[in-house]
C-alpha atoms as a PDB file:
ATOM      1  CA  UNK A   1     183.378 -68.925  10.761  1.00  0.00           C
ATOM      2  CA  UNK A   2     184.502 -67.491  14.520  1.00  0.00           C
ATOM      3  CA  UNK A   3     183.129 -64.737  16.380  1.00  0.00           C
ATOM      4  CA  UNK A   4     184.997 -62.549  18.963  1.00  0.00           C
ATOM      5  CA  UNK A   5     183.616 -60.077  21.137  1.00  0.00           C
ATOM      6  CA  UNK A   6     185.966 -58.014  23.065  1.00  0.00           C
ATOM      7  CA  UNK A   7     184.821 -55.160  25.687  1.00  0.00           C
ATOM      8  CA  UNK A   8     181.674 -54.764  24.235  1.00  0.00           C
ATOM      9  CA  UNK A   9     179.688 -51.811  25.991  1.00  0.00           C
ATOM     10  CA  UNK A  10     175.783 -50.413  24.830  1.00  0.00           C
ATOM     11  CA  UNK A  11     173.710 -48.158  26.928  1.00  0.00           C
ATOM     12  CA  UNK A  12     170.559 -46.690  25.175  1.00  0.00           C
ATOM     13  CA  UNK A  13     170.214 -43.079  25.091  1.00  0.00           C
ATOM     14  CA  UNK A  14     169.767 -41.161  28.603  1.00  0.00           C
ATOM     15  CA  UNK A  15     169.830 -44.782  30.609  1.00  0.00           C
ATOM     16  CA  UNK A  16     172.389 -46.592  32.463  1.00  0.00           C
ATOM     17  CA  UNK A  17     175.038 -48.794  30.217  1.00  0.00           C
ATOM     18  CA  UNK A  18     172.725 -52.613  29.680  1.00  0.00           C
ATOM     19  CA  UNK A  19     176.150 -54.101  28.573  1.00  0.00           C
ATOM     20  CA  UNK A  20     179.399 -54.038  30.372  1.00  0.00           C
ATOM     21  CA  UNK A  21     182.544 -55.165  29.262  1.00  0.00           C
ATOM     22  CA  UNK A  22     181.193 -58.744  27.365  1.00  0.00           C
ATOM     23  CA  UNK A  23     184.044 -60.382  25.873  1.00  0.00           C
ATOM     24  CA  UNK A  24     183.737 -64.289  24.530  1.00  0.00           C
ATOM     25  CA  UNK A  25     184.920 -66.019  21.553  1.00  0.00           C
ATOM     26  CA  UNK A  26     182.941 -68.826  19.753  1.00  0.00           C
ATOM     27  CA  UNK A  27     185.143 -71.190  17.189  1.00  0.00           C
ATOM     28  CA  UNK A  28     183.463 -72.255  14.037  1.00  0.00           C
ATOM     29  CA  UNK A  29     180.601 -74.569  14.814  1.00  0.00           C
ATOM     30  CA  UNK A  30     180.123 -74.352  18.457  1.00  0.00           C
ATOM     31  CA  UNK A  31     176.756 -73.699  20.229  1.00  0.00           C
ATOM     32  CA  UNK A  32     176.471 -70.598  22.315  1.00  0.00           C
ATOM     33  CA  UNK A  33     172.766 -70.157  24.817  1.00  0.00           C
ATOM     34  CA  UNK A  34     172.420 -66.819  26.627  1.00  0.00           C
ATOM     35  CA  UNK A  35     170.927 -66.774  29.635  1.00  0.00           C
ATOM     36  CA  UNK A  36     169.440 -64.267  31.681  1.00  0.00           C
ATOM     37  CA  UNK A  37     166.266 -62.570  33.649  1.00  0.00           C
ATOM     38  CA  UNK A  38     163.587 -59.514  31.716  1.00  0.00           C
ATOM     39  CA  UNK A  39     166.237 -56.654  30.655  1.00  0.00           C
ATOM     40  CA  UNK A  40     169.889 -58.023  31.004  1.00  0.00           C
ATOM     41  CA  UNK A  41     170.414 -56.802  27.453  1.00  0.00           C
ATOM     42  CA  UNK A  42     169.594 -60.787  25.967  1.00  0.00           C
ATOM     43  CA  UNK A  43     168.395 -59.478  22.571  1.00  0.00           C
ATOM     44  CA  UNK A  44     170.621 -56.283  22.823  1.00  0.00           C
ATOM     45  CA  UNK A  45     173.317 -58.507  22.110  1.00  0.00           C
ATOM     46  CA  UNK A  46     171.729 -60.540  19.484  1.00  0.00           C
ATOM     47  CA  UNK A  47     171.511 -57.067  18.119  1.00  0.00           C
ATOM     48  CA  UNK A  48     174.764 -56.426  18.202  1.00  0.00           C
ATOM     49  CA  UNK A  49     175.928 -59.089  16.978  1.00  0.00           C
ATOM     50  CA  UNK A  50     173.976 -58.978  13.968  1.00  0.00           C
ATOM     51  CA  UNK A  51     174.943 -55.664  13.066  1.00  0.00           C
ATOM     52  CA  UNK A  52     171.674 -54.232  13.826  1.00  0.00           C
ATOM     53  CA  UNK A  53     173.116 -51.835  16.175  1.00  0.00           C
ATOM     54  CA  UNK A  54     176.403 -50.318  17.167  1.00  0.00           C
ATOM     55  CA  UNK A  55     178.571 -50.708  20.981  1.00  0.00           C
ATOM     56  CA  UNK A  56     179.346 -47.632  22.392  1.00  0.00           C
ATOM     57  CA  UNK A  57     182.823 -48.980  23.089  1.00  0.00           C
ATOM     58  CA  UNK A  58     184.241 -52.343  22.274  1.00  0.00           C
ATOM     59  CA  UNK A  59     184.252 -54.538  18.716  1.00  0.00           C
ATOM     60  CA  UNK A  60     182.594 -57.699  17.378  1.00  0.00           C
ATOM     61  CA  UNK A  61     185.089 -59.402  14.447  1.00  0.00           C
ATOM     62  CA  UNK A  62     183.379 -62.068  12.840  1.00  0.00           C
ATOM     63  CA  UNK A  63     185.611 -64.889  11.218  1.00  0.00           C
ATOM     64  CA  UNK A  64     188.797 -62.333  12.251  1.00  0.00           C
ATOM     65  CA  UNK A  65     187.298 -59.282  10.387  1.00  0.00           C
ATOM     66  CA  UNK A  66     185.561 -56.268  12.506  1.00  0.00           C
ATOM     67  CA  UNK A  67     181.412 -56.550  12.286  1.00  0.00           C
ATOM     68  CA  UNK A  68     181.219 -52.703   9.973  1.00  0.00           C
ATOM     69  CA  UNK A  69     183.838 -53.713   7.820  1.00  0.00           C
ATOM     70  CA  UNK A  70     181.175 -56.482   5.952  1.00  0.00           C
ATOM     71  CA  UNK A  71     178.484 -54.981   3.546  1.00  0.00           C
ATOM     72  CA  UNK A  72     175.307 -55.599   3.961  1.00  0.00           C
ATOM     73  CA  UNK A  73     174.575 -57.825   1.305  1.00  0.00           C
ATOM     74  CA  UNK A  74     178.217 -59.423   2.500  1.00  0.00           C
ATOM     75  CA  UNK A  75     177.115 -60.053   6.581  1.00  0.00           C
ATOM     76  CA  UNK A  76     173.763 -61.521   4.827  1.00  0.00           C
ATOM     77  CA  UNK A  77     175.457 -64.360   3.600  1.00  0.00           C
ATOM     78  CA  UNK A  78     177.667 -64.722   6.763  1.00  0.00           C
ATOM     79  CA  UNK A  79     174.627 -64.323   9.301  1.00  0.00           C
ATOM     80  CA  UNK A  80     171.366 -64.959   9.844  1.00  0.00           C
ATOM     81  CA  UNK A  81     168.875 -63.709  12.533  1.00  0.00           C
ATOM     82  CA  UNK A  82     165.576 -65.176  14.000  1.00  0.00           C
ATOM     83  CA  UNK A  83     164.062 -62.066  15.717  1.00  0.00           C
ATOM     84  CA  UNK A  84     160.996 -62.882  18.168  1.00  0.00           C
ATOM     85  CA  UNK A  85     157.280 -63.344  16.359  1.00  0.00           C
ATOM     86  CA  UNK A  86     155.400 -60.324  15.370  1.00  0.00           C
ATOM     87  CA  UNK A  87     152.471 -60.325  13.640  1.00  0.00           C
ATOM     88  CA  UNK A  88     153.345 -59.380   9.396  1.00  0.00           C
ATOM     89  CA  UNK A  89     151.374 -55.834   8.177  1.00  0.00           C
ATOM     90  CA  UNK A  90     151.484 -57.402   4.414  1.00  0.00           C
ATOM     91  CA  UNK A  91     149.664 -60.712   3.202  1.00  0.00           C
ATOM     92  CA  UNK A  92     152.805 -62.452   2.194  1.00  0.00           C
ATOM     93  CA  UNK A  93     152.730 -66.460   2.014  1.00  0.00           C
ATOM     94  CA  UNK A  94     154.672 -68.408   3.835  1.00  0.00           C
ATOM     95  CA  UNK A  95     156.723 -69.759   0.611  1.00  0.00           C
ATOM     96  CA  UNK A  96     157.047 -66.014  -0.554  1.00  0.00           C
ATOM     97  CA  UNK A  97     158.876 -65.090   3.393  1.00  0.00           C
ATOM     98  CA  UNK A  98     161.113 -67.903   3.250  1.00  0.00           C
ATOM     99  CA  UNK A  99     162.311 -66.794  -0.329  1.00  0.00           C
ATOM    100  CA  UNK A 100     162.826 -63.983   0.969  1.00  0.00           C
ATOM    101  CA  UNK A 101     166.185 -65.139   2.620  1.00  0.00           C
ATOM    102  CA  UNK A 102     167.348 -65.513  -0.921  1.00  0.00           C
ATOM    103  CA  UNK A 103     168.026 -62.425  -1.714  1.00  0.00           C
ATOM    104  CA  UNK A 104     171.440 -61.947  -1.269  1.00  0.00           C
ATOM    105  CA  UNK A 105     172.377 -64.764  -3.766  1.00  0.00           C
ATOM    106  CA  UNK A 106     170.551 -63.714  -6.287  1.00  0.00           C
ATOM    107  CA  UNK A 107     172.763 -62.100  -9.724  1.00  0.00           C
ATOM    108  CA  UNK A 108     171.467 -58.732 -11.387  1.00  0.00           C
ATOM    109  CA  UNK A 109     168.077 -59.741 -13.396  1.00  0.00           C
ATOM    110  CA  UNK A 110     166.782 -60.854  -9.298  1.00  0.00           C
ATOM    111  CA  UNK A 111     165.672 -63.736 -11.247  1.00  0.00           C
ATOM    112  CA  UNK A 112     165.615 -67.176  -8.557  1.00  0.00           C
ATOM    113  CA  UNK A 113     167.989 -70.504 -10.032  1.00  0.00           C
ATOM    114  CA  UNK A 114     167.528 -74.171  -9.391  1.00  0.00           C
ATOM    115  CA  UNK A 115     169.644 -73.528  -6.114  1.00  0.00           C
ATOM    116  CA  UNK A 116     167.530 -71.056  -4.368  1.00  0.00           C
ATOM    117  CA  UNK A 117     164.752 -73.061  -5.223  1.00  0.00           C
ATOM    118  CA  UNK A 118     166.719 -76.037  -3.988  1.00  0.00           C
ATOM    119  CA  UNK A 119     167.510 -73.673  -0.832  1.00  0.00           C
ATOM    120  CA  UNK A 120     164.029 -72.647   0.643  1.00  0.00           C
ATOM    121  CA  UNK A 121     162.812 -76.323  -0.454  1.00  0.00           C
ATOM    122  CA  UNK A 122     165.337 -77.803   1.989  1.00  0.00           C
ATOM    123  CA  UNK A 123     164.203 -75.305   4.467  1.00  0.00           C
ATOM    124  CA  UNK A 124     160.979 -76.150   4.511  1.00  0.00           C
ATOM    125  CA  UNK A 125     160.937 -79.902   4.893  1.00  0.00           C
ATOM    126  CA  UNK A 126     163.310 -79.214   7.848  1.00  0.00           C
ATOM    127  CA  UNK A 127     160.944 -77.913   9.314  1.00  0.00           C
ATOM    128  CA  UNK A 128     158.258 -79.636   8.362  1.00  0.00           C
ATOM    129  CA  UNK A 129     156.585 -76.559   7.353  1.00  0.00           C
ATOM    130  CA  UNK A 130     155.420 -76.895   3.439  1.00  0.00           C
ATOM    131  CA  UNK A 131     152.067 -77.605   4.317  1.00  0.00           C
ATOM    132  CA  UNK A 132     151.852 -74.110   5.038  1.00  0.00           C
ATOM    133  CA  UNK A 133     153.739 -72.389   2.158  1.00  0.00           C
ATOM    134  CA  UNK A 134     150.761 -70.947   0.431  1.00  0.00           C
ATOM    135  CA  UNK A 135     149.385 -69.854   3.507  1.00  0.00           C
ATOM    136  CA  UNK A 136     149.514 -66.169   4.359  1.00  0.00           C
ATOM    137  CA  UNK A 137     151.304 -65.217   6.933  1.00  0.00           C
ATOM    138  CA  UNK A 138     149.632 -63.344   9.038  1.00  0.00           C
ATOM    139  CA  UNK A 139     147.276 -66.005   8.879  1.00  0.00           C
ATOM    140  CA  UNK A 140     149.340 -68.750  10.446  1.00  0.00           C
ATOM    141  CA  UNK A 141     149.261 -69.235  14.757  1.00  0.00           C
ATOM    142  CA  UNK A 142     152.715 -67.747  16.552  1.00  0.00           C
ATOM    143  CA  UNK A 143     153.756 -71.334  16.527  1.00  0.00           C
ATOM    144  CA  UNK A 144     153.586 -71.843  12.747  1.00  0.00           C
ATOM    145  CA  UNK A 145     154.956 -68.377  12.403  1.00  0.00           C
ATOM    146  CA  UNK A 146     157.608 -68.786  14.162  1.00  0.00           C
ATOM    147  CA  UNK A 147     158.716 -71.961  12.107  1.00  0.00           C
ATOM    148  CA  UNK A 148     158.732 -70.337   8.960  1.00  0.00           C
ATOM    149  CA  UNK A 149     161.219 -68.051  10.390  1.00  0.00           C
ATOM    150  CA  UNK A 150     163.336 -70.630  11.147  1.00  0.00           C
ATOM    151  CA  UNK A 151     162.628 -71.793   7.578  1.00  0.00           C
ATOM    152  CA  UNK A 152     163.659 -68.722   6.456  1.00  0.00           C
ATOM    153  CA  UNK A 153     167.220 -68.112   7.949  1.00  0.00           C
ATOM    154  CA  UNK A 154     167.744 -71.494   7.456  1.00  0.00           C
ATOM    155  CA  UNK A 155     167.378 -71.030   3.652  1.00  0.00           C
ATOM    156  CA  UNK A 156     169.327 -67.689   3.645  1.00  0.00           C
ATOM    157  CA  UNK A 157     172.364 -71.183   3.858  1.00  0.00           C
ATOM    158  CA  UNK A 158     174.316 -68.866   6.454  1.00  0.00           C
ATOM    159  CA  UNK A 159     177.623 -70.451   8.830  1.00  0.00           C
ATOM    160  CA  UNK A 160     176.020 -68.316  11.730  1.00  0.00           C
ATOM    161  CA  UNK A 161     172.843 -68.823  13.177  1.00  0.00           C
ATOM    162  CA  UNK A 162     171.245 -65.784  15.605  1.00  0.00           C
ATOM    163  CA  UNK A 163     167.910 -66.576  16.887  1.00  0.00           C
ATOM    164  CA  UNK A 164     166.004 -64.630  19.704  1.00  0.00           C
ATOM    165  CA  UNK A 165     163.790 -67.106  21.966  1.00  0.00           C
ATOM    166  CA  UNK A 166     163.717 -69.550  18.950  1.00  0.00           C
ATOM    167  CA  UNK A 167     161.337 -71.962  20.495  1.00  0.00           C
ATOM    168  CA  UNK A 168     158.481 -69.185  21.440  1.00  0.00           C
ATOM    169  CA  UNK A 169     155.057 -69.766  20.843  1.00  0.00           C
ATOM    170  CA  UNK A 170     155.798 -73.544  20.396  1.00  0.00           C
ATOM    171  CA  UNK A 171     154.711 -76.603  22.019  1.00  0.00           C
ATOM    172  CA  UNK A 172     156.886 -79.320  24.140  1.00  0.00           C
ATOM    173  CA  UNK A 173     157.686 -81.018  21.334  1.00  0.00           C
ATOM    174  CA  UNK A 174     158.052 -78.629  18.527  1.00  0.00           C
ATOM    175  CA  UNK A 175     160.404 -77.108  21.456  1.00  0.00           C
ATOM    176  CA  UNK A 176     162.600 -80.203  21.343  1.00  0.00           C
ATOM    177  CA  UNK A 177     162.126 -80.567  17.705  1.00  0.00           C
ATOM    178  CA  UNK A 178     163.650 -77.224  16.698  1.00  0.00           C
ATOM    179  CA  UNK A 179     166.844 -77.808  19.527  1.00  0.00           C
ATOM    180  CA  UNK A 180     167.761 -80.977  18.035  1.00  0.00           C
ATOM    181  CA  UNK A 181     166.998 -79.213  13.911  1.00  0.00           C
ATOM    182  CA  UNK A 182     169.992 -76.892  15.538  1.00  0.00           C
ATOM    183  CA  UNK A 183     171.873 -79.178  17.235  1.00  0.00           C
ATOM    184  CA  UNK A 184     172.088 -81.598  13.735  1.00  0.00           C
ATOM    185  CA  UNK A 185     173.071 -78.627  11.888  1.00  0.00           C
ATOM    186  CA  UNK A 186     175.722 -77.559  14.051  1.00  0.00           C
ATOM    187  CA  UNK A 187     177.219 -81.044  14.053  1.00  0.00           C
ATOM    188  CA  UNK A 188     176.885 -81.954  10.413  1.00  0.00           C
ATOM    189  CA  UNK A 189     177.086 -78.672   8.981  1.00  0.00           C
ATOM    190  CA  UNK A 190     179.045 -76.767  11.113  1.00  0.00           C
ATOM    191  CA  UNK A 191     176.816 -73.938  11.632  1.00  0.00           C
ATOM    192  CA  UNK A 192     177.993 -71.640  15.153  1.00  0.00           C
ATOM    193  CA  UNK A 193     174.519 -71.180  16.767  1.00  0.00           C
ATOM    194  CA  UNK A 194     174.388 -68.488  19.313  1.00  0.00           C
ATOM    195  CA  UNK A 195     170.450 -68.500  20.912  1.00  0.00           C
ATOM    196  CA  UNK A 196     169.074 -66.299  23.303  1.00  0.00           C
ATOM    197  CA  UNK A 197     166.781 -68.152  25.631  1.00  0.00           C
ATOM    198  CA  UNK A 198     164.379 -68.395  28.792  1.00  0.00           C
ATOM    199  CA  UNK A 199     164.593 -71.839  28.985  1.00  0.00           C
ATOM    200  CA  UNK A 200     167.765 -73.012  31.465  1.00  0.00           C
ATOM    201  CA  UNK A 201     166.838 -76.315  30.867  1.00  0.00           C
ATOM    202  CA  UNK A 202     166.904 -75.939  26.571  1.00  0.00           C
ATOM    203  CA  UNK A 203     170.686 -74.805  27.649  1.00  0.00           C
ATOM    204  CA  UNK A 204     171.479 -77.043  29.560  1.00  0.00           C
ATOM    205  CA  UNK A 205     170.525 -79.930  27.011  1.00  0.00           C
ATOM    206  CA  UNK A 206     171.810 -78.422  23.372  1.00  0.00           C
ATOM    207  CA  UNK A 207     174.582 -76.292  24.108  1.00  0.00           C
ATOM    208  CA  UNK A 208     177.917 -76.795  24.844  1.00  0.00           C
ATOM    209  CA  UNK A 209     178.870 -72.532  26.023  1.00  0.00           C
ATOM    210  CA  UNK A 210     176.522 -70.352  28.050  1.00  0.00           C
ATOM    211  CA  UNK A 211     176.533 -66.888  28.545  1.00  0.00           C
ATOM    212  CA  UNK A 212     174.646 -65.764  31.548  1.00  0.00           C
ATOM    213  CA  UNK A 213     173.896 -62.358  31.840  1.00  0.00           C
ATOM    214  CA  UNK A 214     172.699 -60.495  35.507  1.00  0.00           C
ATOM    215  CA  UNK A 215     170.192 -57.597  35.435  1.00  0.00           C
ATOM    216  CA  UNK A 216     173.608 -55.475  37.314  1.00  0.00           C
ATOM    217  CA  UNK A 217     175.758 -55.629  34.006  1.00  0.00           C
ATOM    218  CA  UNK A 218     177.944 -58.751  35.616  1.00  0.00           C
ATOM    219  CA  UNK A 219     178.386 -61.735  33.199  1.00  0.00           C
ATOM    220  CA  UNK A 220     179.516 -65.174  32.976  1.00  0.00           C
ATOM    221  CA  UNK A 221     180.606 -66.974  29.468  1.00  0.00           C
ATOM    222  CA  UNK A 222     182.080 -70.293  29.417  1.00  0.00           C
ATOM    223  CA  UNK A 223     180.975 -74.394  29.453  1.00  0.00           C
ATOM    224  CA  UNK A 224     177.285 -74.507  29.934  1.00  0.00           C
ATOM    225  CA  UNK A 225     178.529 -77.326  33.220  1.00  0.00           C
ATOM    226  CA  UNK A 226     180.644 -74.446  34.504  1.00  0.00           C
ATOM    227  CA  UNK A 227     178.101 -71.653  33.718  1.00  0.00           C
ATOM    228  CA  UNK A 228     174.599 -73.076  35.286  1.00  0.00           C
ATOM    229  CA  UNK A 229     174.728 -73.419  38.675  1.00  0.00           C
ATOM    230  CA  UNK A 230     172.197 -74.399  41.210  1.00  0.00           C
ATOM    231  CA  UNK A 231     173.614 -70.420  43.141  1.00  0.00           C
ATOM    232  CA  UNK A 232     174.533 -69.102  40.355  1.00  0.00           C
ATOM    233  CA  UNK A 233     171.029 -69.187  38.779  1.00  0.00           C
ATOM    234  CA  UNK A 234     169.577 -68.522  42.450  1.00  0.00           C
ATOM    235  CA  UNK A 235     171.618 -65.520  42.438  1.00  0.00           C
ATOM    236  CA  UNK A 236     170.588 -64.465  38.571  1.00  0.00           C
ATOM    237  CA  UNK A 237     167.316 -65.200  39.497  1.00  0.00           C
ATOM    238  CA  UNK A 238     166.295 -64.695  42.688  1.00  0.00           C
ATOM    239  CA  UNK A 239     164.922 -68.141  42.975  1.00  0.00           C
ATOM    240  CA  UNK A 240     165.507 -71.334  44.344  1.00  0.00           C
ATOM    241  CA  UNK A 241     166.585 -74.266  42.451  1.00  0.00           C
ATOM    242  CA  UNK A 242     166.170 -77.965  42.436  1.00  0.00           C
ATOM    243  CA  UNK A 243     168.859 -79.415  40.222  1.00  0.00           C
ATOM    244  CA  UNK A 244     168.944 -83.770  38.995  1.00  0.00           C
ATOM    245  CA  UNK A 245     171.549 -85.349  36.929  1.00  0.00           C
ATOM    246  CA  UNK A 246     169.557 -87.178  33.788  1.00  0.00           C
ATOM    247  CA  UNK A 247     171.851 -88.779  31.538  1.00  0.00           C
ATOM    248  CA  UNK A 248     174.690 -85.772  31.271  1.00  0.00           C
ATOM    249  CA  UNK A 249     172.681 -83.209  31.332  1.00  0.00           C
ATOM    250  CA  UNK A 250     171.832 -81.131  34.501  1.00  0.00           C
ATOM    251  CA  UNK A 251     168.288 -80.095  34.905  1.00  0.00           C
ATOM    252  CA  UNK A 252     167.229 -77.290  36.977  1.00  0.00           C
ATOM    253  CA  UNK A 253     163.211 -77.324  38.572  1.00  0.00           C
ATOM    254  CA  UNK A 254     162.461 -73.624  40.187  1.00  0.00           C
ATOM    255  CA  UNK A 255     161.505 -74.044  43.783  1.00  0.00           C
ATOM    256  CA  UNK A 256     158.221 -71.205  44.087  1.00  0.00           C
ATOM    257  CA  UNK A 257     157.290 -70.420  47.892  1.00  0.00           C
ATOM    258  CA  UNK A 258     153.528 -71.849  47.143  1.00  0.00           C
ATOM    259  CA  UNK A 259     154.658 -74.618  45.043  1.00  0.00           C
ATOM    260  CA  UNK A 260     153.811 -78.301  45.903  1.00  0.00           C
ATOM    261  CA  UNK A 261     158.202 -78.772  45.732  1.00  0.00           C
ATOM    262  CA  UNK A 262     158.882 -75.965  48.377  1.00  0.00           C
ATOM    263  CA  UNK A 263     156.419 -77.919  51.165  1.00  0.00           C
ATOM    264  CA  UNK A 264     158.113 -81.488  50.843  1.00  0.00           C
END
């Protein structure tokens, strides 16, 4: 399942363009990180890729067909989205929330099949959240809710996963666990993963490609190792950075004006 974005432009009403002529392509089974400072358009781009927003100009193709050519139900079988954490209003249980992912597959009578139940059970197991199944979602912590939303996306069984800060509110162990899970889904199931992240080091460690958006509308797309350089990170984020090689990954450490590293 490939994604092709060509000359994509978008602006909110009465504002200058937030995305300017963005172009990139992803083959099936790719892992893309979208990084950049606040306000650079990361979440906006994810909303465009999911069909929630419509571009001013340019095009998005999914599996060589225009995004707008898919019905809502067809698109829900191709793309699952994990948005930033929110506090739900209604007291749905975690099991009910994850089961909602199976809606596109329900027949005319809207009864769950054994396949639906198995998909939900597998999603709980993969995210280690079965213990939350009967608890109301608004009684869970922010990190626990985030894991449930990821479980819901996995239960949807789509070839493409779009995630907006998937490790927000998670501790270090769960952050690594989620990225290990996403990488496993990419490798073993050939899922295409697109993740917005503020964590450059998670992007450096797990993603094959990175789209780095700058606040001025410029961008850089390519293999993660080529895109994430000390000089480019300093230019985009406005912070001095130290890079170190660990195994096959390069890690970046910000150097604050009054941090210990800057006083060496």
